[in-house]
Amino acid sequence: MKALIFTGALERRADSTSERLSQYLSDELTTLGIETSVFKIAESGIPLFDITSTRTPNAVELMNLQFREADIHLWLTPLYHGSMTGAMKNCFDWLEISAKSPNPYLTGKTVGLVCWADGVQAMQGINAMDAVAKALRAWPAPYSVAIQRSELYTENGSINPKYQERFRTLLQLITKKQ
């Protein structure tokens, strides 16, 4: 089984929430014996979506292949103005290049959704990603993790046990054999 962790944040700091969560989840998946890769928008070189382009950018081809080869996905994003990041949505829009493939978009992929916010509105980001996952023919897990960032870490900087348990539940759901 192959897992893809897709971080929607445009952060490059090692101590950023997206980096820390993607590393934590990657470690957890690896412990379960699952081959895991992380797709970071900030390092991807994905241009703005252009349906009129006659040539698909190489970065988009590589992203499309990575997204479609993974059996399961974990999508992580901070809440930006009531939704996922625009850069994340832009990547999803580029999946349009697979429209004429035998199994277009993310047909049949299982997706776990994680969003964090400074307040209590992270479910708005989850709902936005859920709608996109369904439009791309994927199967969002019936359980997601909405995070209030002020509660994510303990005093010593580790992931709060409350969120560790939520992540375990999400990973159990998306890693069940199909």
Protein backbone atom coordinates (compact mmCIF):
# COMPACT_ATOMS: atom_id res chain seq x y z
CA MET A 1 0.00 0.00 0.00
CA LYS A 2 1.23 3.51 -0.86
CA ALA A 3 0.24 6.63 1.04
CA LEU A 4 0.55 10.24 -0.04
CA ILE A 5 0.59 13.08 2.47
CA PHE A 6 -0.37 16.29 0.69
CA THR A 7 0.48 19.45 2.63
CA GLY A 8 -1.44 22.47 1.42
CA ALA A 9 0.62 25.03 3.32
CA LEU A 10 3.23 27.17 1.60
CA GLU A 11 5.56 26.91 4.59
CA ARG A 12 9.20 25.93 4.45
CA ARG A 13 10.12 26.19 8.14
CA ALA A 14 11.07 22.91 9.81
CA ASP A 15 9.05 23.86 12.90
CA SER A 16 5.88 24.82 10.99
CA THR A 17 2.63 23.03 11.77
CA SER A 18 2.49 21.48 8.29
CA GLU A 19 6.05 20.13 8.55
CA ARG A 20 5.54 18.77 12.04
CA LEU A 21 2.21 17.12 11.21
CA SER A 22 3.40 15.63 7.93
CA GLN A 23 6.48 14.19 9.67
CA TYR A 24 4.40 12.81 12.54
CA LEU A 25 1.88 11.19 10.18
CA SER A 26 4.62 9.89 7.89
CA ASP A 27 6.31 8.24 10.88
CA GLU A 28 3.00 6.69 11.98
CA LEU A 29 2.29 5.31 8.49
CA THR A 30 5.83 3.96 8.19
CA THR A 31 5.37 2.19 11.54
CA LEU A 32 2.30 0.52 10.00
CA GLY A 33 4.49 -0.72 7.14
CA ILE A 34 3.03 1.67 4.57
CA GLU A 35 5.23 3.25 1.91
CA THR A 36 4.73 6.99 2.36
CA SER A 37 5.64 10.08 0.36
CA VAL A 38 4.99 13.73 1.16
CA PHE A 39 3.97 16.25 -1.50
CA LYS A 40 4.86 19.79 -0.45
CA ILE A 41 3.40 22.57 -2.55
CA ALA A 42 6.17 24.98 -1.56
CA GLU A 43 8.75 22.70 -3.23
CA SER A 44 6.66 21.49 -6.18
CA GLY A 45 6.92 24.24 -8.77
CA ILE A 46 3.23 23.82 -9.71
CA PRO A 47 2.13 26.83 -11.81
CA LEU A 48 -1.31 28.39 -11.81
CA PHE A 49 -3.86 26.18 -13.54
CA ASP A 50 -4.24 27.07 -17.23
CA ILE A 51 -6.78 25.00 -19.14
CA THR A 52 -5.71 26.68 -22.41
CA SER A 53 -2.10 25.52 -22.16
CA THR A 54 -1.08 23.20 -24.99
CA ARG A 55 1.75 21.66 -22.97
CA THR A 56 1.42 20.23 -19.47
CA PRO A 57 4.26 21.42 -17.20
CA ASN A 58 6.63 18.67 -16.04
CA ALA A 59 5.95 19.47 -12.37
CA VAL A 60 2.24 18.88 -13.01
CA GLU A 61 2.90 15.56 -14.77
CA LEU A 62 4.98 14.39 -11.80
CA MET A 63 2.36 15.54 -9.29
CA ASN A 64 -0.41 13.82 -11.23
CA LEU A 65 1.55 10.57 -11.28
CA GLN A 66 2.32 10.74 -7.56
CA PHE A 67 -1.30 11.50 -6.66
CA ARG A 68 -2.70 8.75 -8.86
CA GLU A 69 -0.18 6.06 -7.80
CA ALA A 70 -0.96 6.43 -4.10
CA ASP A 71 -3.62 4.11 -2.70
CA ILE A 72 -4.53 6.42 0.17
CA HIS A 73 -4.15 10.15 0.70
CA LEU A 74 -3.90 12.39 3.74
CA TRP A 75 -4.64 16.03 2.96
CA LEU A 76 -3.38 18.62 5.45
CA THR A 77 -4.10 22.34 5.27
CA PRO A 78 -4.30 25.39 7.45
CA LEU A 79 -7.61 27.24 7.26
CA TYR A 80 -7.22 30.21 4.91
CA HIS A 81 -10.19 32.56 4.81
CA GLY A 82 -12.73 29.81 5.40
CA SER A 83 -11.24 27.14 3.15
CA MET A 84 -8.14 25.20 2.15
CA THR A 85 -5.23 27.15 0.71
CA GLY A 86 -5.59 28.43 -2.83
CA ALA A 87 -2.35 26.69 -3.81
CA MET A 88 -3.82 23.36 -2.66
CA LYS A 89 -6.98 23.90 -4.71
CA ASN A 90 -4.81 24.83 -7.69
CA CYS A 91 -3.09 21.43 -7.49
CA PHE A 92 -6.45 19.69 -7.43
CA ASP A 93 -7.51 21.67 -10.50
CA TRP A 94 -4.46 20.36 -12.38
CA LEU A 95 -5.78 16.80 -11.91
CA GLU A 96 -8.00 17.73 -14.85
CA ILE A 97 -5.21 16.46 -17.12
CA SER A 98 -6.29 12.93 -16.14
CA ALA A 99 -9.92 13.47 -17.24
CA LYS A 100 -9.65 11.16 -20.25
CA SER A 101 -7.75 8.41 -18.42
CA PRO A 102 -9.51 5.07 -17.75
CA ASN A 103 -9.72 5.98 -14.02
CA PRO A 104 -9.69 9.77 -14.06
CA TYR A 105 -8.86 12.14 -11.23
CA LEU A 106 -8.61 10.25 -7.91
CA THR A 107 -11.19 7.57 -8.67
CA GLY A 108 -11.55 5.20 -5.73
CA LYS A 109 -8.76 6.70 -3.59
CA THR A 110 -9.43 6.89 0.14
CA VAL A 111 -8.68 10.32 1.60
CA GLY A 112 -8.17 11.41 5.21
CA LEU A 113 -8.70 15.11 5.89
CA VAL A 114 -6.89 17.29 8.44
CA CYS A 115 -7.23 21.05 8.92
CA TRP A 116 -5.98 23.42 11.60
CA ALA A 117 -7.01 26.93 12.54
CA ASP A 118 -6.14 29.47 15.18
CA GLY A 119 -9.78 29.50 16.25
CA VAL A 120 -12.44 26.82 16.15
CA GLN A 121 -13.36 26.99 12.44
CA ALA A 122 -11.14 24.19 11.05
CA MET A 123 -14.23 22.23 9.96
CA GLN A 124 -14.73 24.80 7.20
CA GLY A 125 -11.46 23.64 5.63
CA ILE A 126 -12.46 20.00 6.11
CA ASN A 127 -15.80 20.65 4.39
CA ALA A 128 -14.07 22.35 1.45
CA MET A 129 -11.63 19.46 1.02
CA ASP A 130 -14.47 16.94 1.37
CA ALA A 131 -16.36 18.59 -1.50
CA VAL A 132 -13.25 18.56 -3.71
CA ALA A 133 -12.44 14.92 -2.85
CA LYS A 134 -15.93 13.86 -3.88
CA ALA A 135 -15.74 15.92 -7.08
CA LEU A 136 -12.48 14.11 -7.89
CA ARG A 137 -14.23 10.74 -7.36
CA ALA A 138 -12.30 9.93 -4.18
CA TRP A 139 -13.76 8.53 -0.95
CA PRO A 140 -13.23 10.86 2.00
CA ALA A 141 -12.99 9.00 5.30
CA PRO A 142 -16.11 9.37 7.48
CA TYR A 143 -13.85 10.78 10.19
CA SER A 144 -11.53 13.79 9.93
CA VAL A 145 -9.32 15.78 12.28
CA ALA A 146 -10.18 19.44 12.83
CA ILE A 147 -7.47 21.06 14.96
CA GLN A 148 -7.51 24.11 17.16
CA ARG A 149 -3.84 24.96 16.85
CA SER A 150 -3.52 26.32 20.40
CA GLU A 151 -4.34 22.79 21.66
CA LEU A 152 -2.19 20.82 19.18
CA TYR A 153 1.04 20.69 21.18
CA THR A 154 1.86 19.89 24.80
CA GLU A 155 4.06 22.16 26.90
CA ASN A 156 7.14 20.17 25.81
CA GLY A 157 6.23 20.61 22.12
CA SER A 158 5.00 17.11 21.28
CA ILE A 159 1.63 16.37 19.67
CA ASN A 160 -1.11 16.48 22.29
CA PRO A 161 -2.26 12.95 23.23
CA LYS A 162 -5.83 14.00 22.40
CA TYR A 163 -4.76 14.64 18.79
CA GLN A 164 -2.52 11.57 18.70
CA GLU A 165 -5.64 9.48 19.43
CA ARG A 166 -7.60 11.28 16.71
CA PHE A 167 -4.83 10.69 14.19
CA ARG A 168 -4.69 6.99 15.16
CA THR A 169 -8.42 6.69 14.53
CA LEU A 170 -8.11 8.40 11.13
CA LEU A 171 -5.15 6.25 10.11
CA GLN A 172 -6.97 3.07 11.14
CA LEU A 173 -9.89 4.04 8.91
CA ILE A 174 -7.91 4.92 5.80
CA THR A 175 -5.39 2.07 6.00
CA LYS A 176 -7.92 -0.79 6.17
CA LYS A 177 -7.42 -3.16 3.28
CA GLN A 178 -9.77 -2.40 0.42
